[in-house]
């Protein structure tokens, strides 16, 4: 364990309780200047809690914090920032209606003459800051933040931390919503700051492959306790990390699957020449066969989500038609898609998929409730449904009366899956099935999808995770700029081929 003598930011014997939950039990952690230290663990392991204690968002119940060899208390985020400790949370702290430049200087009186903003000075400073990282082409200082991509917002938050002369930057799940290319761009900036400014980074994550790429050392928490502390990443294997996080080995994350077994099966869904009104989907067609798992991938903004929203009837299509078992859904609405046997698990479970402040049982029965004639919720039936899905999907929960926001991300995702499984769909569209959930929950979600496929359910999986689509899918369709750039069979797929199609285009099948 590191002591305050060899680290810029150190925690010793930190404990923290939230109500009846012991989030941290006497953990220690040491960050050195100019290193990237990964803080890993499953959902609920306590990793984000420690990051927020460092940043002054939470106060520890016990233990000591040290910064630059001196004992410290951090009353709030402002106090942390004044010491040189910044945090970039998953929920960004940006003002959407202000420009990139304005967000960079918020709260800095240096750019104001009384109440008047010195815009020339502000824009000059913003250009200079972006120039440090060669970001001028990727980030427009005049653009309003609400028009930025998630990746651009992430970079903007890091630039704010750099501009505040931070010595420590904590990144909480920084790559959860980023494509592989955007992750690499983010890591370039992290490496540059580490090398040129000696900034220490804590990256809170459970993405193992990325940690091996960016981290120098790693600490793993499980159930609020240290399992691995400050180990050199070069001395570890992926299996070492998985076992530390989960407490057991997961030998085959994606399960065993006979790829291509469904290629002669009947076509159950056809989408023909689909375009939307926003120009994000341009004449896209596909066919899905019974029992297939088909991946739909590409960079963020390629039109994947917009396409599946169109074929499910959430967004109105401009052109094209959708056929189920050869029969067109004439009036394509969400309800008619459901009645035709299509289910849809959305990308953002917290805002589009679940009602977090409602009970687990009510959430699980949402789809059935939406298509039944009665407007009265059958509470007994909802409870029975929750019990059934708890058993089938291994949902870890207290009472079915508990609100959904009491569950971990992985268990929320299972509730979201469960509400669609209750309607016994023939086709399941699932957008980013494992975003923001830990490796143990991932393996369980994959097992559920494989089981559905074995039962004849067709799965269309939208995913930014290339290992995920390679490990799970019979076929992979790659989108680029709103169009289908190509298709790869499981026998010929690789991350390099997916990336080429997603970024350059050209049909890989032509080789």
Protein backbone atom coordinates (compact mmCIF):
# COMPACT_ATOMS: atom_id res chain seq x y z
CA UNK A 1 0.00 0.00 0.00
CA UNK A 2 1.18 3.51 -0.81
CA UNK A 3 1.70 6.01 1.97
CA UNK A 4 1.43 9.78 1.87
CA UNK A 5 5.17 9.93 1.18
CA UNK A 6 5.10 8.44 -2.31
CA UNK A 7 1.81 9.65 -3.77
CA UNK A 8 0.27 12.98 -4.78
CA UNK A 9 -3.20 11.82 -3.65
CA UNK A 10 -3.61 9.14 -1.00
CA UNK A 11 -6.49 7.57 0.91
CA UNK A 12 -5.85 5.53 4.05
CA UNK A 13 -8.46 3.33 5.71
CA UNK A 14 -11.46 5.15 4.19
CA UNK A 15 -14.97 4.03 5.16
CA UNK A 16 -18.32 5.27 3.89
CA UNK A 17 -21.88 4.12 4.54
CA UNK A 18 -25.08 5.13 2.72
CA UNK A 19 -28.08 4.14 4.84
CA UNK A 20 -27.92 0.37 5.25
CA UNK A 21 -25.20 -0.05 2.62
CA UNK A 22 -21.51 -0.11 3.55
CA UNK A 23 -20.05 1.37 0.35
CA UNK A 24 -16.41 1.40 1.51
CA UNK A 25 -14.83 -0.60 4.33
CA UNK A 26 -11.40 0.73 5.30
CA UNK A 27 -9.92 1.00 1.79
CA UNK A 28 -6.61 2.59 0.86
CA UNK A 29 -5.40 4.03 -2.44
CA UNK A 30 -2.33 5.85 -3.72
CA UNK A 31 -2.06 7.95 -6.89
CA UNK A 32 1.38 9.09 -8.08
CA UNK A 33 1.95 12.25 -10.09
CA UNK A 34 2.13 11.61 -13.83
CA UNK A 35 0.51 8.17 -13.78
CA UNK A 36 -2.81 6.72 -14.88
CA UNK A 37 -4.19 4.62 -12.02
CA UNK A 38 -7.28 2.55 -12.83
CA UNK A 39 -9.86 2.04 -10.11
CA UNK A 40 -11.92 -1.00 -11.03
CA UNK A 41 -14.71 -3.19 -9.73
CA UNK A 42 -18.24 -4.29 -10.44
CA UNK A 43 -21.24 -1.97 -10.09
CA UNK A 44 -21.64 -1.15 -6.41
CA UNK A 45 -18.04 -2.10 -5.54
CA UNK A 46 -17.32 1.41 -4.20
CA UNK A 47 -14.99 2.73 -6.90
CA UNK A 48 -17.08 5.79 -7.84
CA UNK A 49 -17.69 6.50 -4.15
CA UNK A 50 -13.96 6.88 -3.49
CA UNK A 51 -13.57 9.11 -6.55
CA UNK A 52 -16.36 11.34 -5.26
CA UNK A 53 -14.77 11.48 -1.79
CA UNK A 54 -11.52 12.71 -3.37
CA UNK A 55 -13.54 15.33 -5.27
CA UNK A 56 -15.45 16.58 -2.21
CA UNK A 57 -18.85 15.31 -3.38
CA UNK A 58 -19.08 12.81 -0.51
CA UNK A 59 -17.51 13.00 2.94
CA UNK A 60 -15.85 9.88 4.41
CA UNK A 61 -17.11 8.42 7.68
CA UNK A 62 -13.60 7.41 8.68
CA UNK A 63 -9.99 7.35 7.50
CA UNK A 64 -7.55 9.98 6.23
CA UNK A 65 -6.87 11.77 2.95
CA UNK A 66 -3.51 13.21 1.93
CA UNK A 67 -2.63 15.56 -0.91
CA UNK A 68 1.00 16.39 -1.73
CA UNK A 69 2.15 14.81 1.56
CA UNK A 70 -0.25 16.84 3.71
CA UNK A 71 -3.38 15.62 5.45
CA UNK A 72 -6.48 17.23 4.00
CA UNK A 73 -10.23 17.52 4.32
CA UNK A 74 -12.30 18.33 1.25
CA UNK A 75 -15.61 19.95 2.22
CA UNK A 76 -17.00 20.32 -1.31
CA UNK A 77 -16.03 20.15 -5.01
CA UNK A 78 -14.96 23.80 -5.01
CA UNK A 79 -12.48 23.11 -2.19
CA UNK A 80 -11.14 20.09 -4.09
CA UNK A 81 -10.72 22.11 -7.27
CA UNK A 82 -8.87 24.85 -5.40
CA UNK A 83 -6.32 22.23 -4.31
CA UNK A 84 -5.96 20.95 -7.88
CA UNK A 85 -8.33 17.95 -7.83
CA UNK A 86 -10.97 17.79 -10.58
CA UNK A 87 -13.54 15.15 -11.43
CA UNK A 88 -15.30 14.47 -14.73
CA UNK A 89 -18.53 12.65 -13.94
CA UNK A 90 -20.73 10.62 -16.30
CA UNK A 91 -23.32 13.39 -15.94
CA UNK A 92 -21.40 16.36 -17.35
CA UNK A 93 -21.32 19.70 -15.56
CA UNK A 94 -21.82 21.85 -18.64
CA UNK A 95 -24.29 24.58 -19.62
CA UNK A 96 -25.87 23.37 -22.88
CA UNK A 97 -27.03 26.74 -24.22
CA UNK A 98 -23.60 28.35 -23.89
CA UNK A 99 -20.70 27.95 -26.31
CA UNK A 100 -17.58 25.83 -25.85
CA UNK A 101 -15.55 28.98 -25.07
CA UNK A 102 -18.11 30.26 -22.54
CA UNK A 103 -18.18 26.91 -20.73
CA UNK A 104 -14.39 26.98 -20.44
CA UNK A 105 -14.33 30.28 -18.52
CA UNK A 106 -17.45 29.99 -16.34
CA UNK A 107 -16.75 31.34 -12.88
CA UNK A 108 -13.43 32.91 -13.88
CA UNK A 109 -13.57 36.62 -13.08
CA UNK A 110 -10.43 37.23 -15.13
CA UNK A 111 -12.56 37.39 -18.28
CA UNK A 112 -15.01 40.01 -17.01
CA UNK A 113 -14.76 43.79 -16.78
CA UNK A 114 -17.36 44.34 -14.12
CA UNK A 115 -20.42 42.66 -15.61
CA UNK A 116 -19.09 42.77 -19.18
CA UNK A 117 -17.57 39.65 -20.69
CA UNK A 118 -14.31 40.23 -22.57
CA UNK A 119 -15.19 38.02 -25.53
CA UNK A 120 -11.99 38.66 -27.46
CA UNK A 121 -9.92 37.48 -24.50
CA UNK A 122 -12.23 34.51 -23.94
CA UNK A 123 -12.08 33.29 -27.55
CA UNK A 124 -8.33 33.84 -27.75
CA UNK A 125 -7.80 31.77 -24.61
CA UNK A 126 -10.14 29.01 -25.84
CA UNK A 127 -8.26 28.75 -29.16
CA UNK A 128 -4.95 28.58 -27.29
CA UNK A 129 -6.24 25.82 -25.01
CA UNK A 130 -7.58 23.74 -27.91
CA UNK A 131 -4.31 24.29 -29.74
CA UNK A 132 -2.42 22.52 -26.98
CA UNK A 133 -4.08 19.28 -28.06
CA UNK A 134 -4.52 19.93 -31.77
CA UNK A 135 -8.29 19.99 -31.26
CA UNK A 136 -9.16 22.98 -33.42
CA UNK A 137 -10.61 20.82 -36.17
CA UNK A 138 -12.66 18.67 -33.78
CA UNK A 139 -14.08 21.24 -31.37
CA UNK A 140 -15.54 24.58 -32.48
CA UNK A 141 -15.16 27.19 -29.73
CA UNK A 142 -18.28 29.02 -31.00
CA UNK A 143 -20.52 25.91 -31.03
CA UNK A 144 -23.19 25.54 -28.36
CA UNK A 145 -22.54 22.62 -26.04
CA UNK A 146 -25.99 21.10 -26.68
CA UNK A 147 -24.87 20.44 -30.28
CA UNK A 148 -21.71 18.53 -29.27
CA UNK A 149 -21.28 14.76 -29.28
CA UNK A 150 -20.75 12.92 -25.98
CA UNK A 151 -17.07 12.52 -26.88
CA UNK A 152 -16.68 16.26 -27.47
CA UNK A 153 -18.37 17.03 -24.14
CA UNK A 154 -15.96 14.62 -22.44
CA UNK A 155 -12.97 16.42 -23.95
CA UNK A 156 -14.43 19.81 -22.98
CA UNK A 157 -14.74 18.70 -19.34
CA UNK A 158 -11.10 17.58 -19.36
CA UNK A 159 -10.04 20.92 -20.90
CA UNK A 160 -11.89 22.71 -18.06
CA UNK A 161 -9.89 20.67 -15.56
CA UNK A 162 -6.61 21.43 -17.35
CA UNK A 163 -7.48 25.13 -17.47
CA UNK A 164 -8.02 25.07 -13.71
CA UNK A 165 -4.40 23.90 -13.30
CA UNK A 166 -5.50 20.53 -11.95
CA UNK A 167 -2.79 18.22 -10.70
CA UNK A 168 -5.22 15.30 -10.42
CA UNK A 169 -8.08 14.50 -12.80
CA UNK A 170 -10.61 11.79 -11.92
CA UNK A 171 -12.49 10.31 -14.89
CA UNK A 172 -15.62 8.39 -13.89
CA UNK A 173 -16.48 5.84 -16.61
CA UNK A 174 -15.10 8.17 -19.31
CA UNK A 175 -15.59 5.83 -22.26
CA UNK A 176 -19.08 4.50 -21.50
CA UNK A 177 -20.68 6.32 -24.46
CA UNK A 178 -17.70 6.57 -26.82
CA UNK A 179 -16.85 4.70 -30.01
CA UNK A 180 -13.43 3.00 -30.30
CA UNK A 181 -12.05 5.90 -32.37
CA UNK A 182 -13.27 8.43 -29.81
CA UNK A 183 -11.76 6.38 -26.98
CA UNK A 184 -8.40 6.46 -28.74
CA UNK A 185 -8.63 10.26 -29.19
CA UNK A 186 -9.42 10.63 -25.49
CA UNK A 187 -6.45 8.44 -24.53
CA UNK A 188 -4.13 10.53 -26.73
CA UNK A 189 -5.09 13.59 -24.65
CA UNK A 190 -4.64 11.67 -21.37
CA UNK A 191 -1.17 10.49 -22.40
CA UNK A 192 -0.19 13.99 -23.48
CA UNK A 193 -1.31 15.56 -20.18
CA UNK A 194 0.43 12.83 -18.21
CA UNK A 195 3.72 13.32 -20.09
CA UNK A 196 3.78 17.10 -20.52
CA UNK A 197 2.05 18.36 -17.38
CA UNK A 198 2.72 15.46 -14.97
CA UNK A 199 -1.02 15.23 -14.21
CA UNK A 200 -2.12 12.14 -12.29
CA UNK A 201 -5.27 10.43 -13.57
CA UNK A 202 -7.67 8.15 -11.74
CA UNK A 203 -9.82 6.30 -14.27
CA UNK A 204 -12.87 4.64 -12.73
CA UNK A 205 -13.88 1.85 -15.08
CA UNK A 206 -14.74 -1.79 -15.61
CA UNK A 207 -13.62 -1.97 -19.26
CA UNK A 208 -10.70 -4.36 -18.99
CA UNK A 209 -9.29 -4.09 -22.52
CA UNK A 210 -9.10 -0.28 -22.26
CA UNK A 211 -7.41 -0.40 -18.87
CA UNK A 212 -4.60 -2.53 -20.29
CA UNK A 213 -4.18 0.11 -22.99
CA UNK A 214 -4.08 3.26 -20.84
CA UNK A 215 -3.29 2.44 -17.18
CA UNK A 216 0.06 2.17 -15.39
CA UNK A 217 -1.33 0.63 -12.21
CA UNK A 218 -4.67 -0.74 -11.08
CA UNK A 219 -6.62 -1.08 -7.85
CA UNK A 220 -9.68 -3.34 -7.65
CA UNK A 221 -12.54 -3.04 -5.15
CA UNK A 222 -15.13 -5.72 -4.47
CA UNK A 223 -18.05 -5.13 -2.10
CA UNK A 224 -16.37 -2.01 -0.71
CA UNK A 225 -13.05 -3.72 0.08
CA UNK A 226 -9.63 -3.75 -1.58
CA UNK A 227 -8.91 -6.93 -3.50
CA UNK A 228 -5.95 -5.66 -5.51
CA UNK A 229 -4.04 -2.50 -4.57
CA UNK A 230 -1.78 -0.54 -6.90
CA UNK A 231 -0.62 -3.51 -8.96
CA UNK A 232 1.51 -2.83 -12.01
CA UNK A 233 -0.69 -3.45 -15.07
CA UNK A 234 2.22 -5.17 -16.82
CA UNK A 235 2.24 -7.87 -14.17
CA UNK A 236 -1.42 -8.81 -14.69
CA UNK A 237 -3.53 -10.71 -17.19
CA UNK A 238 -7.15 -10.06 -18.11
CA UNK A 239 -8.11 -13.17 -16.15
CA UNK A 240 -6.34 -11.76 -13.06
CA UNK A 241 -8.50 -8.63 -13.24
CA UNK A 242 -11.73 -10.51 -13.92
CA UNK A 243 -11.12 -12.83 -10.98
CA UNK A 244 -10.30 -9.87 -8.71
CA UNK A 245 -13.48 -8.04 -9.68
CA UNK A 246 -15.91 -10.96 -9.76
CA UNK A 247 -14.36 -13.39 -7.28
CA UNK A 248 -14.36 -16.21 -9.83
CA UNK A 249 -13.09 -16.93 -13.32
CA UNK A 250 -15.31 -16.23 -16.32
CA UNK A 251 -13.72 -18.49 -18.90
CA UNK A 252 -16.09 -17.76 -21.79
CA UNK A 253 -17.61 -14.31 -21.49
CA UNK A 254 -19.81 -14.66 -24.58
CA UNK A 255 -20.92 -18.24 -23.98
CA UNK A 256 -20.77 -21.08 -26.48
CA UNK A 257 -22.61 -20.46 -29.73
CA UNK A 258 -22.72 -22.24 -33.09
CA UNK A 259 -22.31 -19.32 -35.46
CA UNK A 260 -24.10 -19.43 -38.79
CA UNK A 261 -26.55 -22.14 -37.70
CA UNK A 262 -29.49 -19.88 -38.65
CA UNK A 263 -28.39 -18.77 -42.11
CA UNK A 264 -30.96 -20.97 -43.90
CA UNK A 265 -33.81 -20.09 -41.53
CA UNK A 266 -36.89 -18.15 -42.63
CA UNK A 267 -36.70 -14.36 -42.88
CA UNK A 268 -38.72 -12.88 -40.01
CA UNK A 269 -38.07 -9.15 -40.46
CA UNK A 270 -37.33 -7.11 -43.58
CA UNK A 271 -36.60 -3.39 -43.53
CA UNK A 272 -36.61 -1.96 -47.05
CA UNK A 273 -35.12 1.40 -48.08
CA UNK A 274 -35.58 3.09 -44.70
CA UNK A 275 -34.81 6.83 -44.51
CA UNK A 276 -35.70 9.33 -41.79
CA UNK A 277 -36.69 13.00 -41.88
CA UNK A 278 -33.46 14.21 -40.25
CA UNK A 279 -31.06 12.84 -42.86
CA UNK A 280 -29.42 10.51 -40.34
CA UNK A 281 -30.75 7.33 -41.99
CA UNK A 282 -30.37 7.11 -45.77
CA UNK A 283 -31.96 4.22 -47.69
CA UNK A 284 -31.00 1.38 -45.31
CA UNK A 285 -32.25 -2.16 -45.91
CA UNK A 286 -31.71 -5.43 -44.01
CA UNK A 287 -33.14 -8.90 -43.49
CA UNK A 288 -33.15 -10.85 -40.24
CA UNK A 289 -33.61 -14.62 -40.00
CA UNK A 290 -35.22 -16.62 -37.23
CA UNK A 291 -32.89 -17.21 -34.28
CA UNK A 292 -30.04 -15.05 -35.59
CA UNK A 293 -28.09 -12.60 -33.50
CA UNK A 294 -27.14 -9.79 -35.88
CA UNK A 295 -24.88 -6.92 -34.86
CA UNK A 296 -25.35 -3.34 -36.04
CA UNK A 297 -22.25 -1.25 -35.36
CA UNK A 298 -20.32 1.83 -36.49
CA UNK A 299 -19.03 5.01 -34.92
CA UNK A 300 -21.27 7.11 -32.67
CA UNK A 301 -23.46 9.25 -34.94
CA UNK A 302 -23.46 6.74 -37.83
CA UNK A 303 -27.26 6.45 -37.64
CA UNK A 304 -27.57 3.05 -35.94
CA UNK A 305 -29.93 4.10 -33.16
CA UNK A 306 -31.94 6.34 -35.50
CA UNK A 307 -32.41 3.39 -37.89
CA UNK A 308 -33.72 0.96 -35.25
CA UNK A 309 -35.98 3.66 -33.81
CA UNK A 310 -37.48 4.04 -37.29
CA UNK A 311 -38.13 0.33 -37.79
CA UNK A 312 -39.75 0.08 -34.35
CA UNK A 313 -41.99 3.09 -35.01
CA UNK A 314 -40.56 5.43 -32.35
CA UNK A 315 -39.44 7.93 -35.00
CA UNK A 316 -41.43 8.46 -38.18
CA UNK A 317 -39.72 7.16 -41.31
CA UNK A 318 -39.58 9.25 -44.46
CA UNK A 319 -39.29 6.31 -46.86
CA UNK A 320 -39.36 2.55 -46.81
CA UNK A 321 -41.38 -0.20 -45.20
CA UNK A 322 -41.04 -2.87 -42.51
CA UNK A 323 -42.33 -6.42 -43.02
CA UNK A 324 -42.77 -9.11 -40.36
CA UNK A 325 -43.01 -12.64 -41.83
CA UNK A 326 -43.52 -11.05 -45.23
CA UNK A 327 -46.43 -8.87 -44.14
CA UNK A 328 -45.95 -5.10 -44.06
CA UNK A 329 -46.83 -3.14 -40.93
CA UNK A 330 -48.89 -0.52 -42.71
CA UNK A 331 -49.28 1.89 -39.82
CA UNK A 332 -45.86 1.61 -38.17
CA UNK A 333 -46.33 2.70 -34.57
CA UNK A 334 -44.69 1.38 -31.42
CA UNK A 335 -47.89 -0.39 -30.38
CA UNK A 336 -48.31 -2.03 -33.80
CA UNK A 337 -44.66 -3.11 -33.80
CA UNK A 338 -45.18 -4.73 -30.38
CA UNK A 339 -48.38 -6.43 -31.56
CA UNK A 340 -46.40 -7.78 -34.54
CA UNK A 341 -43.98 -9.43 -32.10
CA UNK A 342 -41.13 -6.89 -31.97
CA UNK A 343 -39.49 -5.80 -28.70
CA UNK A 344 -37.14 -2.86 -28.24
CA UNK A 345 -34.59 -2.37 -25.43
CA UNK A 346 -33.42 1.27 -25.75
CA UNK A 347 -29.89 2.62 -25.38
CA UNK A 348 -30.60 4.81 -22.36
CA UNK A 349 -32.31 2.68 -19.74
CA UNK A 350 -32.50 5.52 -17.22
CA UNK A 351 -34.46 7.92 -19.40
CA UNK A 352 -36.09 5.86 -22.16
CA UNK A 353 -36.38 2.37 -20.72
CA UNK A 354 -37.36 2.53 -17.04
CA UNK A 355 -39.28 4.73 -14.64
CA UNK A 356 -36.62 4.78 -11.95
CA UNK A 357 -38.78 6.16 -9.16
CA UNK A 358 -41.45 3.48 -9.69
CA UNK A 359 -41.39 -0.06 -8.32
CA UNK A 360 -39.56 -2.94 -9.96
CA UNK A 361 -42.81 -4.85 -10.38
CA UNK A 362 -44.58 -1.96 -12.13
CA UNK A 363 -41.59 -1.46 -14.45
CA UNK A 364 -41.49 -5.11 -15.44
CA UNK A 365 -45.17 -5.00 -16.44
CA UNK A 366 -44.92 -1.75 -18.44
CA UNK A 367 -45.05 -3.35 -21.91
CA UNK A 368 -47.91 -5.72 -21.14
CA UNK A 369 -49.78 -2.82 -19.54
CA UNK A 370 -49.30 -0.66 -22.64
CA UNK A 371 -50.96 -3.12 -25.01
CA UNK A 372 -53.78 -4.38 -22.83
CA UNK A 373 -57.24 -2.86 -23.05
CA UNK A 374 -57.67 -2.07 -19.36
CA UNK A 375 -56.11 1.10 -17.96
CA UNK A 376 -56.08 -0.37 -14.45
CA UNK A 377 -52.79 -1.93 -13.36
CA UNK A 378 -53.22 -5.45 -12.02
CA UNK A 379 -50.90 -5.24 -9.01
CA UNK A 380 -51.06 -8.96 -8.24
CA UNK A 381 -50.13 -9.78 -11.83
CA UNK A 382 -47.28 -7.24 -11.71
CA UNK A 383 -45.89 -8.90 -8.58
CA UNK A 384 -46.15 -12.34 -10.22
CA UNK A 385 -44.36 -11.00 -13.31
CA UNK A 386 -41.57 -9.55 -11.18
CA UNK A 387 -41.14 -12.86 -9.33
CA UNK A 388 -41.01 -14.74 -12.63
CA UNK A 389 -38.36 -12.44 -14.15
CA UNK A 390 -36.35 -12.34 -10.91
CA UNK A 391 -36.06 -16.13 -11.14
CA UNK A 392 -35.46 -16.33 -14.90
CA UNK A 393 -32.93 -13.49 -15.15
CA UNK A 394 -31.31 -13.73 -11.70
CA UNK A 395 -32.25 -10.15 -10.82
CA UNK A 396 -30.62 -9.23 -7.50
CA UNK A 397 -33.11 -7.08 -5.62
CA UNK A 398 -34.59 -6.62 -2.19
CA UNK A 399 -38.36 -6.40 -2.57
CA UNK A 400 -40.30 -6.11 -5.83
CA UNK A 401 -41.84 -3.00 -4.20
CA UNK A 402 -38.43 -1.27 -4.22
CA UNK A 403 -37.90 1.45 -6.81
CA UNK A 404 -35.79 0.67 -9.86
CA UNK A 405 -33.19 3.27 -8.86
CA UNK A 406 -32.28 1.02 -5.91
CA UNK A 407 -30.77 -1.50 -8.34
CA UNK A 408 -27.29 -1.64 -9.84
CA UNK A 409 -26.88 -0.87 -13.54
CA UNK A 410 -26.68 -4.55 -14.44
CA UNK A 411 -29.87 -5.40 -12.56
CA UNK A 412 -31.67 -2.41 -14.07
CA UNK A 413 -30.72 -3.77 -17.49
CA UNK A 414 -32.19 -7.15 -16.54
CA UNK A 415 -35.46 -5.48 -15.48
CA UNK A 416 -35.50 -3.70 -18.85
CA UNK A 417 -34.96 -7.01 -20.64
CA UNK A 418 -37.54 -8.71 -18.45
CA UNK A 419 -40.36 -6.35 -19.37
CA UNK A 420 -39.88 -7.30 -23.04
CA UNK A 421 -39.38 -11.01 -22.41
CA UNK A 422 -42.79 -11.13 -20.72
CA UNK A 423 -44.42 -10.43 -24.10
CA UNK A 424 -42.50 -13.34 -25.69
CA UNK A 425 -41.16 -11.34 -28.64
CA UNK A 426 -40.26 -13.01 -31.93
CA UNK A 427 -37.76 -10.24 -32.66
CA UNK A 428 -35.80 -8.29 -30.04
CA UNK A 429 -33.98 -5.08 -30.94
CA UNK A 430 -31.49 -4.22 -28.19
CA UNK A 431 -29.45 -1.00 -28.29
CA UNK A 432 -26.13 -1.04 -26.37
CA UNK A 433 -27.08 -4.11 -24.29
CA UNK A 434 -24.20 -3.88 -21.79
CA UNK A 435 -23.40 -0.16 -21.59
CA UNK A 436 -22.34 0.86 -18.09
CA UNK A 437 -22.59 -2.59 -16.51
CA UNK A 438 -19.90 -4.77 -14.98
CA UNK A 439 -18.35 -7.91 -16.43
CA UNK A 440 -20.35 -10.35 -14.32
CA UNK A 441 -23.63 -8.75 -15.41
CA UNK A 442 -22.36 -8.68 -19.00
CA UNK A 443 -21.81 -12.44 -19.01
CA UNK A 444 -25.35 -12.94 -17.68
CA UNK A 445 -26.88 -10.64 -20.34
CA UNK A 446 -24.99 -12.51 -23.06
CA UNK A 447 -26.26 -15.83 -21.68
CA UNK A 448 -29.84 -14.51 -21.79
CA UNK A 449 -29.46 -13.37 -25.41
CA UNK A 450 -27.95 -16.73 -26.40
CA UNK A 451 -30.84 -18.52 -24.71
CA UNK A 452 -33.39 -16.36 -26.54
CA UNK A 453 -31.65 -17.16 -29.82
CA UNK A 454 -31.74 -20.89 -29.02
CA UNK A 455 -35.49 -20.53 -28.46
CA UNK A 456 -35.90 -19.01 -31.93
CA UNK A 457 -35.99 -15.33 -31.01
CA UNK A 458 -34.19 -13.08 -33.52
CA UNK A 459 -31.91 -10.48 -31.90
CA UNK A 460 -30.73 -7.27 -33.58
CA UNK A 461 -27.95 -5.91 -31.37
CA UNK A 462 -26.79 -2.30 -31.74
CA UNK A 463 -23.38 -1.94 -30.12
CA UNK A 464 -20.29 0.27 -30.11
CA UNK A 465 -18.30 -2.53 -28.46
CA UNK A 466 -16.45 -4.36 -31.21
CA UNK A 467 -15.43 -7.36 -29.03
CA UNK A 468 -19.09 -7.71 -28.09
CA UNK A 469 -20.45 -7.91 -31.64
CA UNK A 470 -17.59 -10.20 -32.69
CA UNK A 471 -18.16 -12.48 -29.70
CA UNK A 472 -21.96 -12.62 -30.01
CA UNK A 473 -23.13 -12.14 -33.60
CA UNK A 474 -23.69 -14.43 -36.58
CA UNK A 475 -23.44 -11.43 -38.90
CA UNK A 476 -22.30 -7.85 -38.39
CA UNK A 477 -23.71 -4.89 -40.32
CA UNK A 478 -21.62 -1.72 -40.25
CA UNK A 479 -23.16 1.73 -40.69
CA UNK A 480 -21.37 4.88 -41.78
CA UNK A 481 -22.88 8.35 -42.33
CA UNK A 482 -26.44 7.02 -42.20
CA UNK A 483 -25.87 4.23 -44.71
CA UNK A 484 -25.00 0.56 -44.62
CA UNK A 485 -21.26 0.44 -45.36
CA UNK A 486 -20.99 -3.34 -45.48
CA UNK A 487 -21.72 -6.72 -43.95
CA UNK A 488 -19.30 -9.18 -42.34
CA UNK A 489 -19.93 -12.85 -41.65
CA UNK A 490 -18.63 -14.21 -38.35
CA UNK A 491 -15.99 -16.24 -40.18
CA UNK A 492 -14.37 -13.12 -41.68
CA UNK A 493 -14.91 -10.48 -39.03
CA UNK A 494 -12.13 -8.61 -37.20
CA UNK A 495 -11.87 -5.31 -35.38
CA UNK A 496 -9.71 -3.94 -38.21
CA UNK A 497 -12.36 -4.77 -40.83
CA UNK A 498 -15.15 -3.25 -38.74
CA UNK A 499 -13.10 -0.09 -38.22
CA UNK A 500 -12.30 0.19 -41.93
CA UNK A 501 -15.97 -0.06 -42.89
CA UNK A 502 -17.03 2.32 -40.13
CA UNK A 503 -14.51 5.03 -40.97
CA UNK A 504 -13.56 4.64 -44.65
CA UNK A 505 -16.46 2.67 -46.11
CA UNK A 506 -16.35 0.25 -49.03
CA UNK A 507 -17.83 -3.21 -48.93
CA UNK A 508 -15.46 -5.57 -47.15
CA UNK A 509 -17.12 -8.51 -48.85
CA UNK A 510 -15.51 -7.37 -52.06
CA UNK A 511 -12.06 -7.81 -50.48
